[in-house]
Protein backbone atom coordinates (compact mmCIF):
# COMPACT_ATOMS: atom_id res chain seq x y z
CA SER A 1 -8.84 1.05 19.83
CA SER A 2 -6.39 0.82 17.15
CA LEU A 3 -4.63 -2.18 15.56
CA ARG A 4 -1.48 -0.54 15.61
CA HIS A 5 1.12 -3.10 17.41
CA GLY A 6 4.23 -3.27 15.13
CA PRO A 7 7.80 -2.57 15.71
CA PRO A 8 8.99 0.11 18.06
CA ALA A 9 9.00 3.72 16.95
CA ALA A 10 11.89 4.72 14.88
CA PRO A 11 14.39 6.90 16.42
CA THR A 12 13.81 10.72 15.95
CA SER A 13 17.43 12.06 15.28
CA ALA A 14 18.81 12.04 11.83
CA GLY A 15 21.68 9.94 12.80
CA ALA A 16 19.75 7.53 14.64
CA LEU A 17 17.18 7.00 11.88
CA ARG A 18 19.91 6.44 9.19
CA ARG A 19 21.24 3.66 11.76
CA HIS A 20 17.66 2.41 12.25
CA VAL A 21 16.80 2.36 8.48
CA ALA A 22 20.01 0.70 7.68
CA ALA A 23 19.61 -1.96 10.23
CA ALA A 24 16.00 -2.80 8.99
CA ALA A 25 17.16 -3.18 5.40
CA ALA A 26 19.86 -5.57 6.53
CA ALA A 27 17.39 -7.68 8.88
CA PRO A 28 16.02 -10.90 7.92
CA HIS A 29 12.37 -10.24 6.61
CA ALA A 30 9.40 -12.84 6.69
CA PRO A 31 6.60 -11.12 4.96
CA ALA A 32 4.39 -14.16 5.37
CA GLY A 33 4.85 -14.38 9.23
CA PRO A 34 3.36 -17.07 11.31
CA GLN A 35 0.57 -14.89 12.64
CA ARG A 36 -1.13 -14.49 9.10
CA ARG A 37 -0.57 -18.09 8.27
CA SER A 38 -2.30 -19.30 11.27
CA VAL A 39 -5.76 -17.87 10.03
CA ALA A 40 -5.58 -20.84 7.36
CA ALA A 41 -4.35 -23.26 9.83
CA ARG A 42 -7.12 -22.69 12.45
CA ALA A 43 -9.71 -23.04 9.61
CA VAL A 44 -8.36 -26.19 8.46
CA LYS A 45 -8.03 -27.58 12.06
CA SER A 46 -11.70 -26.49 13.00
CA GLY A 47 -13.16 -27.99 9.75
CA LYS A 48 -14.34 -24.61 8.58
CA ARG A 49 -14.21 -23.72 5.04
CA LEU A 50 -12.28 -20.34 4.21
CA LYS A 51 -14.15 -18.36 1.95
CA TYR A 52 -10.93 -17.37 0.26
CA SER A 53 -9.26 -20.78 0.67
CA ALA A 54 -8.22 -20.88 -3.03
CA VAL A 55 -5.34 -18.00 -2.86
CA GLY A 56 -5.66 -15.91 -5.79
CA GLN A 57 -9.00 -17.52 -6.99
CA LYS A 58 -11.42 -15.14 -8.82
CA ARG A 59 -14.70 -14.54 -6.83
CA SER A 60 -17.42 -16.40 -9.05
CA GLY A 61 -20.56 -14.68 -7.78
CA GLY A 62 -22.17 -12.78 -5.26
CA SER A 63 -21.38 -9.29 -4.14
CA PRO A 64 -18.15 -7.97 -2.45
CA LYS A 65 -18.23 -7.92 1.31
CA VAL A 66 -19.04 -4.59 2.60
CA VAL A 67 -17.11 -3.70 5.83
CA SER A 68 -18.38 -0.34 7.16
CA ILE A 69 -15.76 1.13 9.64
CA ALA A 70 -16.54 4.36 12.08
CA GLU A 71 -14.05 6.27 13.82
CA GLY A 72 -12.46 4.26 16.47
CA GLU A 73 -13.74 1.10 14.96
CA GLU A 74 -10.48 0.22 13.55
CA TRP A 75 -10.45 -3.22 15.05
CA ARG A 76 -12.90 -4.15 12.30
CA CYS A 77 -9.97 -4.20 9.68
CA ALA A 78 -8.76 -7.45 11.25
CA GLU A 79 -11.78 -9.30 8.95
CA VAL A 80 -10.12 -7.33 5.92
CA ALA A 81 -6.47 -8.42 6.68
CA ASP A 82 -7.41 -11.92 6.83
CA MET A 83 -9.01 -11.64 3.52
CA LEU A 84 -5.86 -10.04 1.96
CA ALA A 85 -3.64 -12.72 3.57
CA ALA A 86 -5.97 -15.29 1.86
CA GLY A 87 -5.58 -13.88 -1.74
CA GLY A 88 -8.55 -11.50 -1.77
CA ILE A 89 -8.30 -8.16 -3.25
CA GLY A 90 -10.52 -5.00 -2.52
CA ILE A 91 -10.76 -1.13 -1.84
CA ILE A 92 -9.49 0.53 1.19
CA PRO A 93 -8.99 4.07 2.30
CA THR A 94 -6.05 6.16 2.39
CA ASP A 95 -5.36 9.79 3.24
CA THR A 96 -5.89 10.35 -0.68
CA LEU A 97 -7.99 8.57 -2.95
CA PRO A 98 -9.23 5.27 -1.96
CA ALA A 99 -6.86 2.22 -3.08
CA ILE A 100 -7.62 -1.13 -4.52
CA VAL A 101 -5.34 -3.53 -2.82
CA ALA A 102 -3.66 -6.93 -2.71
CA ASP A 103 -1.30 -8.84 -0.72
CA LEU A 104 2.24 -7.76 -2.22
CA HIS A 105 3.65 -11.26 -1.86
CA ASN A 106 0.66 -12.91 -3.81
CA ARG A 107 1.13 -12.97 -7.42
CA SER A 108 -2.34 -14.17 -8.42
CA ALA A 109 -3.80 -11.49 -6.36
CA ALA A 110 -1.53 -8.93 -8.14
CA LEU A 111 -2.81 -10.15 -11.47
CA ARG A 112 -6.36 -9.82 -10.36
CA LEU A 113 -5.88 -6.31 -9.36
CA ALA A 114 -4.59 -5.49 -12.81
CA ALA A 115 -7.52 -7.02 -14.30
CA VAL A 116 -10.23 -5.53 -11.85
CA LYS A 117 -8.60 -1.98 -12.87
CA GLU A 118 -8.28 -2.92 -16.55
CA MET A 119 -4.80 -2.11 -16.88
CA SER A 120 -1.65 -4.02 -17.97
CA PRO A 121 0.25 -6.03 -15.49
CA LYS A 122 3.29 -3.81 -16.58
CA LYS A 123 2.03 -0.80 -15.52
CA PRO A 124 3.98 0.37 -12.36
CA LEU A 125 2.13 0.00 -9.07
CA SER A 126 2.51 1.66 -5.93
CA ILE A 127 3.22 -0.19 -2.36
CA LEU A 128 1.45 1.10 0.79
CA CYS A 129 3.87 0.73 3.60
CA ARG A 130 3.37 0.71 7.63
CA ASN A 131 6.73 2.39 8.42
CA PHE A 132 10.31 3.39 7.49
CA GLN A 133 11.25 -0.34 7.86
CA ASP A 134 9.16 -1.44 5.21
CA ILE A 135 10.51 1.54 2.93
CA ALA A 136 14.04 0.50 3.84
CA HIS A 137 13.28 -3.17 2.95
CA TYR A 138 11.83 -2.89 -0.57
CA THR A 139 13.86 0.18 -1.53
CA ASN A 140 17.32 1.37 -1.60
CA GLY A 141 16.76 4.28 0.60
CA PHE A 142 16.63 7.90 0.28
CA PRO A 143 19.15 9.94 -1.73
CA VAL A 144 22.48 10.73 0.35
CA SER A 145 24.95 13.50 -0.58
CA ASN A 146 27.97 14.67 1.29
CA GLU A 147 27.74 18.09 -0.37
CA PRO A 148 28.10 20.69 2.21
CA GLY A 149 24.39 22.22 2.65
CA ALA A 150 22.62 19.12 1.32
CA ARG A 151 19.40 17.84 2.64
CA ASP A 152 19.17 15.34 5.15
CA TRP A 153 16.29 13.53 3.26
CA PHE A 154 15.82 11.07 6.47
CA LYS A 155 15.12 14.05 8.68
CA VAL A 156 12.60 15.63 5.97
CA LEU A 157 10.94 12.68 5.45
CA LYS A 158 10.53 11.69 9.10
CA ARG A 159 8.64 14.93 9.49
CA LEU A 160 6.55 14.65 6.54
CA LEU A 161 5.56 11.06 6.72
CA PRO A 162 2.93 9.38 7.35
CA GLY A 163 1.50 11.88 4.94
CA PRO A 164 -0.15 12.33 1.35
CA TYR A 165 2.96 11.81 -0.81
CA THR A 166 4.11 9.18 -3.26
CA LEU A 167 8.05 8.79 -3.29
CA ILE A 168 9.65 7.30 -6.35
CA LEU A 169 12.32 5.28 -4.87
CA SER A 170 15.13 2.95 -6.40
CA ALA A 171 13.67 -0.72 -5.77
CA SER A 172 15.92 -2.93 -3.85
CA LYS A 173 16.27 -6.76 -4.52
CA ASN A 174 13.31 -7.43 -2.08
CA LEU A 175 10.55 -6.18 -4.46
CA PRO A 176 8.54 -9.32 -5.34
CA THR A 177 8.25 -10.72 -8.79
CA GLN A 178 4.91 -9.19 -8.96
CA ILE A 179 6.06 -6.07 -9.72
CA VAL A 180 8.27 -6.74 -12.61
CA ASP A 181 8.37 -5.92 -16.50
CA ASP A 182 7.47 -9.05 -18.38
CA LEU A 183 9.40 -8.51 -21.74
CA LYS A 184 9.72 -11.08 -24.49
CA GLY A 185 8.85 -13.68 -21.80
CA LYS A 186 11.90 -12.53 -19.37
CA SER A 187 11.36 -10.99 -15.98
CA VAL A 188 13.10 -7.84 -15.71
CA HIS A 189 13.25 -6.35 -12.32
CA ARG A 190 11.77 -2.63 -11.97
CA LYS A 191 14.39 -0.22 -11.16
CA SER A 192 12.13 2.23 -9.22
CA VAL A 193 8.74 1.72 -7.33
CA GLY A 194 6.22 4.29 -5.81
CA VAL A 195 5.94 4.09 -2.18
CA ARG A 196 3.36 5.57 0.06
CA MET A 197 3.11 5.67 3.98
CA PRO A 198 -0.79 7.07 4.22
CA ASP A 199 -1.74 9.09 7.19
CA ASP A 200 -5.00 7.10 7.63
CA PRO A 201 -5.83 5.10 10.65
CA VAL A 202 -8.10 2.67 8.89
CA CYS A 203 -5.58 2.18 6.28
CA GLN A 204 -2.63 1.69 8.76
CA ALA A 205 -4.89 -0.90 11.00
CA VAL A 206 -5.30 -3.07 7.51
CA LEU A 207 -1.53 -3.00 6.92
CA GLU A 208 -0.70 -3.68 10.74
CA GLY A 209 -3.17 -6.31 10.64
CA LEU A 210 -1.65 -8.14 7.50
CA GLY A 211 1.79 -7.79 8.84
CA ARG A 212 3.27 -6.16 5.77
CA PRO A 213 2.85 -3.81 2.81
CA VAL A 214 0.31 -4.17 0.06
CA LEU A 215 0.14 -3.59 -3.62
CA ALA A 216 -2.03 -0.54 -4.46
CA THR A 217 -3.48 1.39 -7.42
CA SER A 218 -6.05 4.27 -6.98
CA VAL A 219 -9.78 3.92 -7.75
CA HIS A 220 -10.87 5.79 -10.97
CA VAL A 221 -12.13 9.27 -10.64
CA GLY A 222 -13.50 10.36 -13.92
CA GLU A 223 -13.28 14.17 -13.41
CA HIS A 224 -10.74 16.88 -12.92
CA LEU A 225 -10.08 17.07 -8.95
CA SER A 226 -11.51 20.21 -7.35
CA PRO A 227 -11.66 21.18 -3.72
CA ASP A 228 -15.25 19.85 -3.48
CA THR A 229 -14.66 16.68 -5.61
CA GLU A 230 -15.91 13.60 -3.68
CA VAL A 231 -14.65 9.93 -3.57
CA PRO A 232 -16.68 7.72 -5.60
CA ASP A 233 -19.65 6.65 -3.32
CA LEU A 234 -20.00 3.05 -2.26
CA GLY A 235 -22.73 2.28 -4.95
CA GLN A 236 -20.30 3.83 -7.76
CA MET A 237 -17.30 1.64 -6.68
CA LEU A 238 -19.46 -1.41 -6.42
CA ASP A 239 -20.58 -0.89 -9.91
CA LEU A 240 -17.29 -0.20 -11.22
CA TYR A 241 -15.33 -2.86 -9.57
CA GLY A 242 -17.83 -5.38 -7.90
CA GLY A 243 -18.94 -7.52 -10.91
CA SER A 244 -18.23 -11.35 -11.33
CA GLY A 245 -14.37 -11.63 -10.82
CA GLY A 246 -14.09 -8.42 -9.36
CA ILE A 247 -12.95 -7.11 -5.76
CA ASP A 248 -13.77 -9.43 -2.82
CA PHE A 249 -14.32 -6.39 -0.35
CA ILE A 250 -14.52 -2.76 0.26
CA ILE A 251 -14.19 -0.59 3.39
CA ASP A 252 -16.86 1.99 3.62
CA VAL A 253 -15.72 4.87 5.72
CA GLY A 254 -18.20 7.23 4.27
CA ARG A 255 -18.14 10.36 2.26
CA ARG A 256 -14.62 12.13 1.79
CA VAL A 257 -13.09 14.80 -0.51
CA ALA A 258 -11.17 13.25 -3.37
CA THR A 259 -7.42 14.54 -3.56
CA GLU A 260 -4.42 13.22 -4.98
CA SER A 261 -0.89 12.52 -3.43
CA THR A 262 2.08 14.75 -4.31
CA VAL A 263 4.61 12.75 -6.24
CA VAL A 264 8.25 13.03 -5.74
CA ASP A 265 10.82 11.30 -7.98
CA MET A 266 13.95 10.51 -5.78
CA THR A 267 15.67 8.19 -7.98
CA GLY A 268 18.24 10.87 -9.04
CA GLU A 269 17.79 14.57 -8.82
CA VAL A 270 14.93 15.20 -6.52
CA GLU A 271 11.98 16.54 -8.51
CA VAL A 272 8.34 17.05 -7.85
CA VAL A 273 6.49 15.20 -10.63
CA ARG A 274 2.76 16.00 -9.47
CA VAL A 275 1.57 18.50 -6.84
CA GLY A 276 -1.51 17.25 -4.92
CA ARG A 277 -2.34 17.19 -1.25
CA GLY A 278 1.00 17.12 0.34
CA ASP A 279 2.98 20.34 0.50
CA PRO A 280 5.54 20.25 -2.24
CA SER A 281 7.84 23.08 -0.68
CA PRO A 282 10.17 20.62 1.30
CA PHE A 283 11.45 19.10 -1.93
CA GLU A 284 11.88 22.35 -3.80
CA ASP A 285 14.91 24.53 -3.91
């Protein structure tokens, strides 16, 4: 069974979808909803000590928790959602490369993610979204043109997503301060953000369980990707990211082929930046 129990499916017509996404962008958004806060509240009430009670605190010892999930066992993702909600970071599968993820609304977790990947906190990261409502909330949407014959990008993307695409979109004011440029001590809001809606049931179950998008960066793959390049196995990822102060958990779904997403810049003239698993032809003239 799946944990998908989020908002009702978006309308299928282009006009209805535009109204639906616009309404979602205007609606009040409460990322840290009562369902997720109740995890800590229940633990305190019962006298149990949460493993991740200090939100954003680095793991000081021991090995990351390995959560093995077979097909049809997406219900096991609830445990991972709880860890993310409490400030944990870890690795989850997507429809392309596995991603190191953190709660989008937890600055400490975001900084830990950057440290584990050994990257500058200033480097742009992507967000993994559940649906078009999430995209509407954290971005200013897809390009719209009144020119005759112009493509209706809502209609195009409704057909392609969920899928192996990263869309670079103009960021809205709702994008958290975790995703900012720190220049000379000043926070400057990013003008764009990479957005993904992966077509992977385990990934989607984690997002649905958390109740909001996650901040993400792909795991490192050292070689040029070919059709038979495999995702780093469990042992390799534990060696790379599982040391002291590293990731708190990893979801193991078995062996998969490593593929990259197709990256499309939609902040201006629509341009395919990188060709990956997703068919680029819908974005080309």
